[in-house]
């Protein structure tokens, strides 16, 4: 779905998290950044994915990674998702889909025979210099940390 690939410069995004705090690509210079896009907060697949990342959060931190989740949910829905699942990383409430479209993960989807536009579950691993190291579009929600960290 996305046209971004390994070696591309990551989009210079700017988005607001569940607490109204602004996040930009520049904020993460010097760290590896995992930006994971998910369709909807508090749904089974998205919860499995977020909880797997939460359970491996120390592994990410010890390898100089920051995590940032993104969906088109409201800040209130994102805050509830964080609270309910004790997520230790921010979630962008990208209601105007600016970040989602910058990364090219919005488009036609099929679910139970129905076609609609939505977020394609995709993860981008961005290096310390803002270059995309990996694009994961076949996300295994229960093993996503291992997909990213390769362990």
N, C-alpha and C. Protein backbone atom coordinates (compact mmCIF):
# COMPACT_ATOMS: atom_id res chain seq x y z
N UNK A 1 0.83 -1.20 0.00
CA UNK A 1 0.00 0.00 0.00
C UNK A 1 0.88 1.26 0.00
N UNK A 2 1.74 1.39 0.99
CA UNK A 2 2.60 2.57 1.06
C UNK A 2 3.65 2.53 -0.04
N UNK A 3 4.07 3.70 -0.50
CA UNK A 3 5.14 3.73 -1.51
C UNK A 3 6.49 3.93 -0.84
N UNK A 4 6.49 4.18 0.47
CA UNK A 4 7.76 4.35 1.19
C UNK A 4 8.46 3.00 1.29
N UNK A 5 9.78 3.03 1.18
CA UNK A 5 10.54 1.78 1.28
C UNK A 5 11.85 2.00 2.02
N UNK A 6 12.51 0.91 2.31
CA UNK A 6 13.80 0.95 2.99
C UNK A 6 14.74 1.88 2.25
N UNK A 7 15.41 2.76 3.02
CA UNK A 7 16.35 3.70 2.42
C UNK A 7 15.76 5.08 2.16
N UNK A 8 14.42 5.18 2.16
CA UNK A 8 13.76 6.48 1.96
C UNK A 8 13.88 7.32 3.23
N UNK A 9 13.84 8.63 3.04
CA UNK A 9 13.78 9.54 4.19
C UNK A 9 12.36 9.46 4.74
N UNK A 10 12.24 9.35 6.05
CA UNK A 10 10.91 9.28 6.67
C UNK A 10 10.20 10.62 6.51
N UNK A 11 8.87 10.59 6.35
CA UNK A 11 8.12 11.85 6.26
C UNK A 11 8.33 12.69 7.52
N UNK A 12 8.44 13.98 7.34
CA UNK A 12 8.63 14.89 8.48
C UNK A 12 7.27 15.17 9.11
N UNK A 13 6.78 14.21 9.88
CA UNK A 13 5.43 14.29 10.42
C UNK A 13 5.34 15.17 11.66
N UNK A 14 4.12 15.55 11.97
CA UNK A 14 3.82 16.27 13.20
C UNK A 14 2.42 15.84 13.61
N UNK A 15 2.29 15.34 14.84
CA UNK A 15 0.99 14.88 15.31
C UNK A 15 0.84 15.09 16.80
N UNK A 16 -0.39 15.03 17.27
CA UNK A 16 -0.71 15.26 18.68
C UNK A 16 -1.09 13.93 19.34
N UNK A 17 -0.53 13.67 20.52
CA UNK A 17 -0.82 12.41 21.21
C UNK A 17 -2.05 12.52 22.11
N UNK A 18 -2.28 11.46 22.87
CA UNK A 18 -3.46 11.35 23.74
C UNK A 18 -3.54 12.45 24.79
N UNK A 19 -2.41 13.08 25.11
CA UNK A 19 -2.40 14.14 26.13
C UNK A 19 -2.29 15.54 25.51
N UNK A 20 -2.39 15.62 24.18
CA UNK A 20 -2.28 16.91 23.52
C UNK A 20 -0.85 17.35 23.27
N UNK A 21 0.12 16.45 23.50
CA UNK A 21 1.54 16.77 23.30
C UNK A 21 1.89 16.52 21.83
N UNK A 22 2.65 17.48 21.26
CA UNK A 22 3.04 17.38 19.85
C UNK A 22 4.27 16.48 19.70
N UNK A 23 4.27 15.65 18.66
CA UNK A 23 5.41 14.79 18.33
C UNK A 23 5.78 15.06 16.88
N UNK A 24 7.09 15.22 16.62
CA UNK A 24 7.58 15.38 15.25
C UNK A 24 8.73 14.40 15.04
N UNK A 25 9.09 14.18 13.79
CA UNK A 25 10.21 13.30 13.48
C UNK A 25 11.48 13.82 14.15
N UNK A 26 11.67 15.13 14.14
CA UNK A 26 12.86 15.75 14.71
C UNK A 26 13.02 15.43 16.20
N UNK A 27 11.91 15.28 16.92
CA UNK A 27 11.96 14.96 18.35
C UNK A 27 12.72 13.65 18.63
N UNK A 28 12.80 12.80 17.62
CA UNK A 28 13.36 11.46 17.83
C UNK A 28 14.75 11.30 17.22
N UNK A 29 15.37 12.41 16.78
CA UNK A 29 16.73 12.32 16.25
C UNK A 29 17.65 11.69 17.29
N UNK A 30 18.52 10.79 16.84
CA UNK A 30 19.44 10.13 17.76
C UNK A 30 18.87 8.87 18.37
N UNK A 31 17.62 8.57 18.09
CA UNK A 31 16.98 7.33 18.55
C UNK A 31 16.43 6.60 17.33
N UNK A 32 16.26 5.30 17.49
CA UNK A 32 15.54 4.56 16.47
C UNK A 32 14.07 4.72 16.82
N UNK A 33 13.24 4.94 15.83
CA UNK A 33 11.82 5.16 16.08
C UNK A 33 10.98 4.12 15.36
N UNK A 34 10.11 3.48 16.12
CA UNK A 34 9.15 2.54 15.56
C UNK A 34 7.81 3.27 15.51
N UNK A 35 7.32 3.52 14.30
CA UNK A 35 6.00 4.14 14.13
C UNK A 35 5.07 3.04 13.64
N UNK A 36 4.12 2.66 14.51
CA UNK A 36 3.21 1.60 14.10
C UNK A 36 1.80 2.14 13.93
N UNK A 37 1.25 1.89 12.74
CA UNK A 37 -0.10 2.33 12.40
C UNK A 37 -1.04 1.16 12.62
N UNK A 38 -2.15 1.43 13.27
CA UNK A 38 -3.12 0.37 13.54
C UNK A 38 -4.52 0.91 13.26
N UNK A 39 -5.44 0.02 12.85
CA UNK A 39 -6.77 0.47 12.42
C UNK A 39 -7.63 1.13 13.50
N UNK A 40 -7.73 0.54 14.69
CA UNK A 40 -8.65 1.10 15.67
C UNK A 40 -8.28 0.68 17.09
N UNK A 41 -8.20 1.66 17.97
CA UNK A 41 -7.87 1.41 19.38
C UNK A 41 -8.90 0.47 20.01
N UNK A 42 -8.40 -0.39 20.89
CA UNK A 42 -9.23 -1.29 21.70
C UNK A 42 -9.94 -2.38 20.92
N UNK A 43 -9.54 -2.63 19.67
CA UNK A 43 -10.08 -3.79 18.95
C UNK A 43 -9.11 -4.95 19.18
N UNK A 44 -9.56 -6.20 19.00
CA UNK A 44 -8.72 -7.36 19.38
C UNK A 44 -7.32 -7.39 18.77
N UNK A 45 -7.20 -7.21 17.45
CA UNK A 45 -5.88 -7.27 16.80
C UNK A 45 -4.98 -6.14 17.25
N UNK A 46 -5.54 -4.96 17.36
CA UNK A 46 -4.75 -3.79 17.76
C UNK A 46 -4.32 -3.90 19.21
N UNK A 47 -5.18 -4.46 20.03
CA UNK A 47 -4.83 -4.66 21.44
C UNK A 47 -3.71 -5.69 21.56
N UNK A 48 -3.80 -6.78 20.80
CA UNK A 48 -2.75 -7.81 20.83
C UNK A 48 -1.42 -7.21 20.40
N UNK A 49 -1.44 -6.40 19.36
CA UNK A 49 -0.21 -5.78 18.85
C UNK A 49 0.38 -4.83 19.89
N UNK A 50 -0.45 -3.93 20.41
CA UNK A 50 0.03 -2.94 21.39
C UNK A 50 0.54 -3.61 22.66
N UNK A 51 -0.14 -4.67 23.10
CA UNK A 51 0.29 -5.37 24.33
C UNK A 51 1.59 -6.14 24.11
N UNK A 52 1.80 -6.68 22.91
CA UNK A 52 3.07 -7.35 22.62
C UNK A 52 4.20 -6.32 22.65
N UNK A 53 3.98 -5.15 22.10
CA UNK A 53 5.00 -4.10 22.14
C UNK A 53 5.23 -3.64 23.59
N UNK A 54 4.14 -3.53 24.35
CA UNK A 54 4.25 -3.15 25.78
C UNK A 54 5.09 -4.18 26.54
N UNK A 55 4.80 -5.45 26.31
CA UNK A 55 5.49 -6.51 27.04
C UNK A 55 6.98 -6.58 26.70
N UNK A 56 7.36 -6.01 25.58
CA UNK A 56 8.77 -6.00 25.15
C UNK A 56 9.38 -4.61 25.22
N UNK A 57 8.70 -3.69 25.89
CA UNK A 57 9.12 -2.29 25.91
C UNK A 57 10.54 -2.12 26.44
N UNK A 58 10.92 -2.87 27.45
CA UNK A 58 12.28 -2.75 28.01
C UNK A 58 13.33 -3.17 26.98
N UNK A 59 13.02 -4.18 26.17
CA UNK A 59 13.94 -4.60 25.10
C UNK A 59 14.12 -3.46 24.10
N UNK A 60 13.03 -2.79 23.77
CA UNK A 60 13.13 -1.66 22.84
C UNK A 60 13.98 -0.55 23.45
N UNK A 61 13.67 -0.19 24.71
CA UNK A 61 14.41 0.90 25.37
C UNK A 61 15.90 0.60 25.45
N UNK A 62 16.24 -0.63 25.80
CA UNK A 62 17.66 -0.98 25.95
C UNK A 62 18.39 -0.99 24.61
N UNK A 63 17.65 -1.02 23.50
CA UNK A 63 18.25 -0.97 22.16
C UNK A 63 18.09 0.42 21.51
N UNK A 64 17.79 1.45 22.34
CA UNK A 64 17.67 2.84 21.88
C UNK A 64 16.50 3.07 20.92
N UNK A 65 15.40 2.36 21.13
CA UNK A 65 14.20 2.56 20.32
C UNK A 65 13.17 3.37 21.10
N UNK A 66 12.45 4.22 20.38
CA UNK A 66 11.24 4.86 20.90
C UNK A 66 10.08 4.29 20.10
N UNK A 67 8.92 4.18 20.73
CA UNK A 67 7.73 3.65 20.06
C UNK A 67 6.67 4.74 19.97
N UNK A 68 5.96 4.75 18.84
CA UNK A 68 4.90 5.72 18.63
C UNK A 68 3.79 5.04 17.83
N UNK A 69 2.62 4.92 18.45
CA UNK A 69 1.48 4.33 17.76
C UNK A 69 0.65 5.42 17.11
N UNK A 70 0.01 5.07 15.98
CA UNK A 70 -0.82 6.06 15.27
C UNK A 70 -2.09 5.40 14.75
N UNK A 71 -3.22 6.05 15.02
CA UNK A 71 -4.49 5.67 14.39
C UNK A 71 -5.32 6.94 14.26
N UNK A 72 -6.47 6.82 13.62
CA UNK A 72 -7.33 7.99 13.42
C UNK A 72 -8.31 8.17 14.59
N UNK A 73 -8.09 7.45 15.67
CA UNK A 73 -8.96 7.57 16.85
C UNK A 73 -8.79 8.94 17.51
N UNK A 74 -9.77 9.32 18.31
CA UNK A 74 -9.70 10.57 19.06
C UNK A 74 -8.69 10.44 20.20
N UNK A 75 -8.26 11.59 20.72
CA UNK A 75 -7.33 11.59 21.85
C UNK A 75 -7.96 10.85 23.04
N UNK A 76 -9.25 11.00 23.23
CA UNK A 76 -9.95 10.34 24.34
C UNK A 76 -9.89 8.81 24.18
N UNK A 77 -10.13 8.33 22.96
CA UNK A 77 -10.07 6.88 22.70
C UNK A 77 -8.65 6.35 22.89
N UNK A 78 -7.66 7.14 22.46
CA UNK A 78 -6.26 6.73 22.62
C UNK A 78 -5.90 6.68 24.11
N UNK A 79 -6.33 7.68 24.88
CA UNK A 79 -6.04 7.72 26.31
C UNK A 79 -6.66 6.51 27.02
N UNK A 80 -7.87 6.16 26.63
CA UNK A 80 -8.56 5.00 27.21
C UNK A 80 -7.81 3.70 26.88
N UNK A 81 -7.35 3.59 25.63
CA UNK A 81 -6.60 2.43 25.16
C UNK A 81 -5.32 2.28 25.99
N UNK A 82 -4.62 3.39 26.22
CA UNK A 82 -3.38 3.39 27.00
C UNK A 82 -3.67 2.97 28.44
N UNK A 83 -4.69 3.59 29.02
CA UNK A 83 -5.03 3.32 30.42
C UNK A 83 -5.44 1.87 30.63
N UNK A 84 -6.32 1.37 29.78
CA UNK A 84 -6.84 0.01 29.90
C UNK A 84 -5.73 -1.04 29.78
N UNK A 85 -4.76 -0.78 28.91
CA UNK A 85 -3.71 -1.77 28.63
C UNK A 85 -2.35 -1.39 29.20
N UNK A 86 -2.29 -0.31 29.98
CA UNK A 86 -1.05 0.16 30.60
C UNK A 86 0.08 0.28 29.58
N UNK A 87 -0.20 0.97 28.49
CA UNK A 87 0.79 1.13 27.42
C UNK A 87 1.79 2.22 27.82
N UNK A 88 3.10 1.92 27.72
CA UNK A 88 4.13 2.87 28.17
C UNK A 88 4.62 3.83 27.08
N UNK A 89 3.91 3.88 25.93
CA UNK A 89 4.34 4.73 24.82
C UNK A 89 3.16 5.58 24.35
N UNK A 90 3.46 6.74 23.73
CA UNK A 90 2.39 7.63 23.26
C UNK A 90 1.67 7.09 22.02
N UNK A 91 0.43 7.51 21.87
CA UNK A 91 -0.38 7.17 20.69
C UNK A 91 -0.88 8.47 20.08
N UNK A 92 -0.59 8.67 18.81
CA UNK A 92 -1.06 9.87 18.14
C UNK A 92 -2.54 9.71 17.78
N UNK A 93 -3.30 10.76 18.06
CA UNK A 93 -4.71 10.82 17.68
C UNK A 93 -4.76 11.59 16.35
N UNK A 94 -4.61 10.86 15.27
CA UNK A 94 -4.46 11.47 13.94
C UNK A 94 -5.81 11.55 13.24
N UNK A 95 -6.73 12.29 13.86
CA UNK A 95 -8.10 12.35 13.35
C UNK A 95 -8.19 12.98 11.96
N UNK A 96 -7.29 13.92 11.64
CA UNK A 96 -7.32 14.52 10.30
C UNK A 96 -6.49 13.71 9.30
N UNK A 97 -5.91 12.61 9.77
CA UNK A 97 -5.16 11.65 8.95
C UNK A 97 -3.93 12.24 8.25
N UNK A 98 -3.37 13.32 8.78
CA UNK A 98 -2.19 13.93 8.15
C UNK A 98 -0.98 13.01 8.23
N UNK A 99 -0.75 12.41 9.40
CA UNK A 99 0.41 11.51 9.56
C UNK A 99 0.15 10.22 8.77
N UNK A 100 -1.08 9.71 8.87
CA UNK A 100 -1.46 8.48 8.16
C UNK A 100 -1.23 8.65 6.66
N UNK A 101 -1.63 9.80 6.11
CA UNK A 101 -1.46 10.02 4.67
C UNK A 101 0.00 10.31 4.31
N UNK A 102 0.74 10.95 5.21
CA UNK A 102 2.16 11.21 4.95
C UNK A 102 2.92 9.90 4.76
N UNK A 103 2.52 8.87 5.52
CA UNK A 103 3.17 7.56 5.41
C UNK A 103 2.48 6.67 4.37
N UNK A 104 1.37 7.12 3.82
CA UNK A 104 0.69 6.37 2.75
C UNK A 104 0.03 5.08 3.19
N UNK A 105 -0.54 5.05 4.40
CA UNK A 105 -1.13 3.79 4.89
C UNK A 105 -2.67 3.83 4.93
N UNK A 106 -3.27 4.82 4.26
CA UNK A 106 -4.73 4.91 4.20
C UNK A 106 -5.17 4.46 2.81
N UNK A 107 -6.18 3.60 2.74
CA UNK A 107 -6.65 3.17 1.42
C UNK A 107 -7.71 2.11 1.52
N UNK A 108 -8.12 1.58 0.37
CA UNK A 108 -9.19 0.59 0.33
C UNK A 108 -8.80 -0.71 1.04
N UNK A 109 -9.76 -1.24 1.79
CA UNK A 109 -9.56 -2.49 2.52
C UNK A 109 -10.80 -3.34 2.33
N UNK A 110 -10.64 -4.63 2.61
CA UNK A 110 -11.78 -5.55 2.56
C UNK A 110 -11.88 -6.24 3.91
N UNK A 111 -13.09 -6.33 4.42
CA UNK A 111 -13.32 -7.05 5.67
C UNK A 111 -14.69 -7.70 5.57
N UNK A 112 -14.71 -9.00 5.70
CA UNK A 112 -15.94 -9.78 5.61
C UNK A 112 -16.74 -9.41 4.36
N UNK A 113 -16.04 -9.33 3.24
CA UNK A 113 -16.69 -9.08 1.96
C UNK A 113 -17.07 -7.63 1.69
N UNK A 114 -16.82 -6.77 2.67
CA UNK A 114 -17.19 -5.36 2.54
C UNK A 114 -15.93 -4.55 2.23
N UNK A 115 -16.06 -3.62 1.27
CA UNK A 115 -14.92 -2.76 0.96
C UNK A 115 -15.12 -1.39 1.58
N UNK A 116 -14.05 -0.84 2.12
CA UNK A 116 -14.11 0.49 2.73
C UNK A 116 -12.70 1.05 2.79
N UNK A 117 -12.58 2.33 3.07
CA UNK A 117 -11.26 2.94 3.24
C UNK A 117 -10.87 2.88 4.71
N UNK A 118 -9.61 2.57 4.96
CA UNK A 118 -9.15 2.49 6.35
C UNK A 118 -7.63 2.45 6.41
N UNK A 119 -7.13 2.28 7.62
CA UNK A 119 -5.68 2.23 7.84
C UNK A 119 -5.18 0.81 7.60
N UNK A 120 -4.13 0.72 6.83
CA UNK A 120 -3.46 -0.57 6.64
C UNK A 120 -2.45 -0.72 7.76
N UNK A 121 -2.57 -1.81 8.52
CA UNK A 121 -1.67 -2.06 9.65
C UNK A 121 -0.25 -2.18 9.10
N UNK A 122 0.56 -1.18 9.38
CA UNK A 122 1.92 -1.10 8.84
C UNK A 122 2.83 -0.49 9.90
N UNK A 123 4.06 -0.98 9.96
CA UNK A 123 5.04 -0.46 10.91
C UNK A 123 6.28 0.00 10.15
N UNK A 124 6.78 1.17 10.56
CA UNK A 124 8.00 1.73 9.97
C UNK A 124 9.06 1.79 11.06
N UNK A 125 10.26 1.29 10.74
CA UNK A 125 11.39 1.41 11.65
C UNK A 125 12.31 2.45 11.03
N UNK A 126 12.51 3.54 11.78
CA UNK A 126 13.26 4.69 11.28
C UNK A 126 14.55 4.81 12.10
N UNK A 127 15.69 4.98 11.42
CA UNK A 127 16.96 5.04 12.15
C UNK A 127 17.19 6.42 12.77
N UNK A 128 18.32 6.54 13.44
CA UNK A 128 18.66 7.76 14.18
C UNK A 128 18.75 9.00 13.31
N UNK A 129 18.94 8.80 12.00
CA UNK A 129 19.09 9.93 11.07
C UNK A 129 17.81 10.20 10.27
N UNK A 130 16.72 9.53 10.62
CA UNK A 130 15.45 9.78 9.94
C UNK A 130 15.26 9.00 8.65
N UNK A 131 16.06 7.96 8.45
CA UNK A 131 15.93 7.12 7.26
C UNK A 131 15.17 5.84 7.62
N UNK A 132 14.26 5.43 6.74
CA UNK A 132 13.48 4.21 6.99
C UNK A 132 14.38 2.99 6.82
N UNK A 133 14.48 2.20 7.89
CA UNK A 133 15.29 0.97 7.85
C UNK A 133 14.46 -0.23 7.45
N UNK A 134 13.17 -0.18 7.79
CA UNK A 134 12.31 -1.32 7.49
C UNK A 134 10.86 -0.88 7.43
N UNK A 135 10.11 -1.51 6.51
CA UNK A 135 8.67 -1.33 6.42
C UNK A 135 8.05 -2.72 6.60
N UNK A 136 7.24 -2.87 7.63
CA UNK A 136 6.61 -4.17 7.91
C UNK A 136 5.12 -4.04 7.60
N UNK A 137 4.68 -4.69 6.53
CA UNK A 137 3.27 -4.60 6.17
C UNK A 137 2.53 -5.91 6.42
N UNK A 138 3.27 -6.94 6.81
CA UNK A 138 2.63 -8.20 7.21
C UNK A 138 2.84 -8.35 8.71
N UNK A 139 2.12 -7.53 9.47
CA UNK A 139 2.30 -7.48 10.92
C UNK A 139 1.68 -8.71 11.57
N UNK A 140 2.49 -9.38 12.39
CA UNK A 140 1.99 -10.48 13.22
C UNK A 140 1.69 -9.86 14.58
N UNK A 141 0.42 -9.62 14.87
CA UNK A 141 0.06 -8.82 16.04
C UNK A 141 0.60 -9.39 17.36
N UNK A 142 0.65 -10.72 17.48
CA UNK A 142 1.10 -11.31 18.75
C UNK A 142 2.62 -11.48 18.83
N UNK A 143 3.32 -11.24 17.73
CA UNK A 143 4.78 -11.42 17.71
C UNK A 143 5.47 -10.22 17.08
N UNK A 144 4.84 -9.06 17.20
CA UNK A 144 5.35 -7.90 16.47
C UNK A 144 6.71 -7.42 16.96
N UNK A 145 6.94 -7.48 18.26
CA UNK A 145 8.24 -7.05 18.80
C UNK A 145 9.37 -7.86 18.18
N UNK A 146 9.18 -9.17 18.04
CA UNK A 146 10.21 -10.02 17.44
C UNK A 146 10.39 -9.69 15.97
N UNK A 147 9.32 -9.32 15.28
CA UNK A 147 9.44 -8.92 13.87
C UNK A 147 10.35 -7.69 13.77
N UNK A 148 10.19 -6.76 14.69
CA UNK A 148 10.95 -5.51 14.65
C UNK A 148 12.38 -5.72 15.12
N UNK A 149 12.54 -6.39 16.25
CA UNK A 149 13.88 -6.55 16.85
C UNK A 149 14.65 -7.72 16.24
N UNK A 150 13.95 -8.57 15.50
CA UNK A 150 14.60 -9.68 14.83
C UNK A 150 15.20 -10.70 15.75
N UNK A 151 14.51 -10.98 16.86
CA UNK A 151 15.05 -11.96 17.82
C UNK A 151 14.12 -13.12 17.99
